[in-house]
Every structure is written in C-alpha cells, then in structure tokens.
Amino acid sequence: MDMILIAEVGFLNDTSERDSIGRLGMSTLHNGVSTAATAALARLTCQAHGIRVDESHRYLVRHLKELHSLRLVYWPGGSEVKMV
C-alpha cells in the first residue's frame, strides 16, 4: 500500500475548530465515505488545527484520493492538503 507523508494541512477557507469538526461529520455521512477514509479525514482535521493524534502524519494514498474525489479535501498530490 502506498503511503505519503503529509507535512502541511491548511484550509481553503477561514474556519474554526468547531466549524471544521461539524463539517467533518456532515460531509462523510451523506457521501458514502469509507470508514478508513473518514478516519483519515479526522486525522487531517486534527493535524490542520495542531492537535496531535498521530506522530507519523502518513496517510494511505487511496484514502487521500477518495477524499479528493469527493471534494472533501484539495489534494493535487504531494505533501500538502487543504481542507475544504
């Protein structure tokens, strides 16, 4: 399985932690996001807000592709992800 280190997670729009966490739940419930990709999105959300939940910041490429295809994150490849 291909993994990639995501060194930087930011936002396309200004957001608060509360708004970000709220969008996390609402966006995954109705889009058929896999459980594993939902967990990756939760980790990315925490990483974007500077909340340490995982030392590695490594993500499976297929989860990032899934989230990007559903427009839940902007990830053109590389080590940077933007939360939508």
C-alpha atoms as a PDB file:
ATOM      1  CA  MET A   1       0.000   0.000   0.000  1.00  0.00           C
ATOM      2  CA  ASP A   2       1.326   3.397  -0.976  1.00  0.00           C
ATOM      3  CA  MET A   3       1.644   5.880   1.865  1.00  0.00           C
ATOM      4  CA  ILE A   4       2.590   9.535   1.735  1.00  0.00           C
ATOM      5  CA  LEU A   5       3.779  11.963   4.382  1.00  0.00           C
ATOM      6  CA  ILE A   6       1.522  14.995   4.619  1.00  0.00           C
ATOM      7  CA  ALA A   7       3.677  17.724   6.087  1.00  0.00           C
ATOM      8  CA  GLU A   8       1.181  20.569   5.900  1.00  0.00           C
ATOM      9  CA  VAL A   9      -2.590  20.721   6.239  1.00  0.00           C
ATOM     10  CA  GLY A  10      -4.367  24.019   5.809  1.00  0.00           C
ATOM     11  CA  PHE A  11      -7.726  25.422   4.819  1.00  0.00           C
ATOM     12  CA  LEU A  12      -9.134  26.770   1.581  1.00  0.00           C
ATOM     13  CA  ASN A  13     -11.438  28.993   3.652  1.00  0.00           C
ATOM     14  CA  ASP A  14     -11.107  30.519   7.105  1.00  0.00           C
ATOM     15  CA  THR A  15     -12.541  28.148   9.668  1.00  0.00           C
ATOM     16  CA  SER A  16     -12.809  27.490  13.372  1.00  0.00           C
ATOM     17  CA  GLU A  17     -12.264  24.156  15.071  1.00  0.00           C
ATOM     18  CA  ARG A  18     -15.986  23.904  15.750  1.00  0.00           C
ATOM     19  CA  ASP A  19     -16.931  24.561  12.119  1.00  0.00           C
ATOM     20  CA  SER A  20     -14.274  22.169  10.890  1.00  0.00           C
ATOM     21  CA  ILE A  21     -15.384  19.303  13.141  1.00  0.00           C
ATOM     22  CA  GLY A  22     -19.032  19.937  12.230  1.00  0.00           C
ATOM     23  CA  ARG A  23     -18.266  19.717   8.515  1.00  0.00           C
ATOM     24  CA  LEU A  24     -16.317  16.520   9.104  1.00  0.00           C
ATOM     25  CA  GLY A  25     -19.394  14.666  10.349  1.00  0.00           C
ATOM     26  CA  MET A  26     -21.859  16.160   7.885  1.00  0.00           C
ATOM     27  CA  SER A  27     -19.653  15.614   4.848  1.00  0.00           C
ATOM     28  CA  THR A  28     -18.959  11.954   5.469  1.00  0.00           C
ATOM     29  CA  LEU A  29     -22.453  10.847   6.473  1.00  0.00           C
ATOM     30  CA  HIS A  30     -24.096  11.562   3.129  1.00  0.00           C
ATOM     31  CA  ASN A  31     -21.235  10.929   0.716  1.00  0.00           C
ATOM     32  CA  GLY A  32     -20.626   7.231   1.317  1.00  0.00           C
ATOM     33  CA  VAL A  33     -17.079   7.797   2.506  1.00  0.00           C
ATOM     34  CA  SER A  34     -15.364   4.611   3.666  1.00  0.00           C
ATOM     35  CA  THR A  35     -14.705   4.224   7.366  1.00  0.00           C
ATOM     36  CA  ALA A  36     -10.937   4.268   6.821  1.00  0.00           C
ATOM     37  CA  ALA A  37     -11.084   7.449   4.715  1.00  0.00           C
ATOM     38  CA  THR A  38     -13.305   9.057   7.375  1.00  0.00           C
ATOM     39  CA  ALA A  39     -10.631   8.256   9.966  1.00  0.00           C
ATOM     40  CA  ALA A  40      -8.004   9.810   7.680  1.00  0.00           C
ATOM     41  CA  LEU A  41     -10.184  12.924   7.332  1.00  0.00           C
ATOM     42  CA  ALA A  42     -10.493  13.146  11.114  1.00  0.00           C
ATOM     43  CA  ARG A  43      -6.702  12.900  11.457  1.00  0.00           C
ATOM     44  CA  LEU A  44      -6.212  15.567   8.777  1.00  0.00           C
ATOM     45  CA  THR A  45      -8.688  17.835  10.585  1.00  0.00           C
ATOM     46  CA  CYS A  46      -6.778  17.423  13.838  1.00  0.00           C
ATOM     47  CA  GLN A  47      -3.465  17.979  12.073  1.00  0.00           C
ATOM     48  CA  ALA A  48      -4.824  21.188  10.489  1.00  0.00           C
ATOM     49  CA  HIS A  49      -5.715  22.509  13.927  1.00  0.00           C
ATOM     50  CA  GLY A  50      -2.417  21.472  15.506  1.00  0.00           C
ATOM     51  CA  ILE A  51      -3.973  18.696  17.589  1.00  0.00           C
ATOM     52  CA  ARG A  52      -1.536  15.793  17.807  1.00  0.00           C
ATOM     53  CA  VAL A  53      -3.183  12.412  17.296  1.00  0.00           C
ATOM     54  CA  ASP A  54      -0.540  10.610  15.251  1.00  0.00           C
ATOM     55  CA  GLU A  55       3.213  11.051  15.154  1.00  0.00           C
ATOM     56  CA  SER A  56       3.713   9.918  11.584  1.00  0.00           C
ATOM     57  CA  HIS A  57       1.367  12.140   9.542  1.00  0.00           C
ATOM     58  CA  ARG A  58       1.449   9.348   6.952  1.00  0.00           C
ATOM     59  CA  TYR A  59      -1.700   8.603   5.003  1.00  0.00           C
ATOM     60  CA  LEU A  60      -2.670   5.957   2.503  1.00  0.00           C
ATOM     61  CA  VAL A  61      -2.750   7.462  -0.962  1.00  0.00           C
ATOM     62  CA  ARG A  62      -6.035   5.706  -1.750  1.00  0.00           C
ATOM     63  CA  HIS A  63      -7.737   7.450   1.199  1.00  0.00           C
ATOM     64  CA  LEU A  64      -6.480  10.849   0.054  1.00  0.00           C
ATOM     65  CA  LYS A  65      -7.648  10.098  -3.482  1.00  0.00           C
ATOM     66  CA  GLU A  66     -11.074   9.083  -2.164  1.00  0.00           C
ATOM     67  CA  LEU A  67     -11.410  12.267  -0.112  1.00  0.00           C
ATOM     68  CA  HIS A  68     -10.192  14.393  -3.026  1.00  0.00           C
ATOM     69  CA  SER A  69     -12.582  12.730  -5.497  1.00  0.00           C
ATOM     70  CA  LEU A  70     -15.494  13.557  -3.192  1.00  0.00           C
ATOM     71  CA  ARG A  71     -14.199  17.136  -2.882  1.00  0.00           C
ATOM     72  CA  LEU A  72     -13.766  16.848   0.872  1.00  0.00           C
ATOM     73  CA  VAL A  73     -10.118  17.899   0.608  1.00  0.00           C
ATOM     74  CA  TYR A  74      -7.998  19.530  -2.055  1.00  0.00           C
ATOM     75  CA  TRP A  75      -5.006  17.305  -2.727  1.00  0.00           C
ATOM     76  CA  PRO A  76      -3.347  17.517  -6.126  1.00  0.00           C
ATOM     77  CA  GLY A  77      -0.576  15.233  -4.878  1.00  0.00           C
ATOM     78  CA  GLY A  78       2.494  15.979  -2.847  1.00  0.00           C
ATOM     79  CA  SER A  79       2.797  16.678   0.846  1.00  0.00           C
ATOM     80  CA  GLU A  80       0.176  19.395   1.287  1.00  0.00           C
ATOM     81  CA  VAL A  81      -3.575  19.004   1.803  1.00  0.00           C
ATOM     82  CA  LYS A  82      -6.148  21.784   2.006  1.00  0.00           C
ATOM     83  CA  MET A  83      -9.336  21.133   3.920  1.00  0.00           C
ATOM     84  CA  VAL A  84     -12.483  22.227   2.067  1.00  0.00           C
END
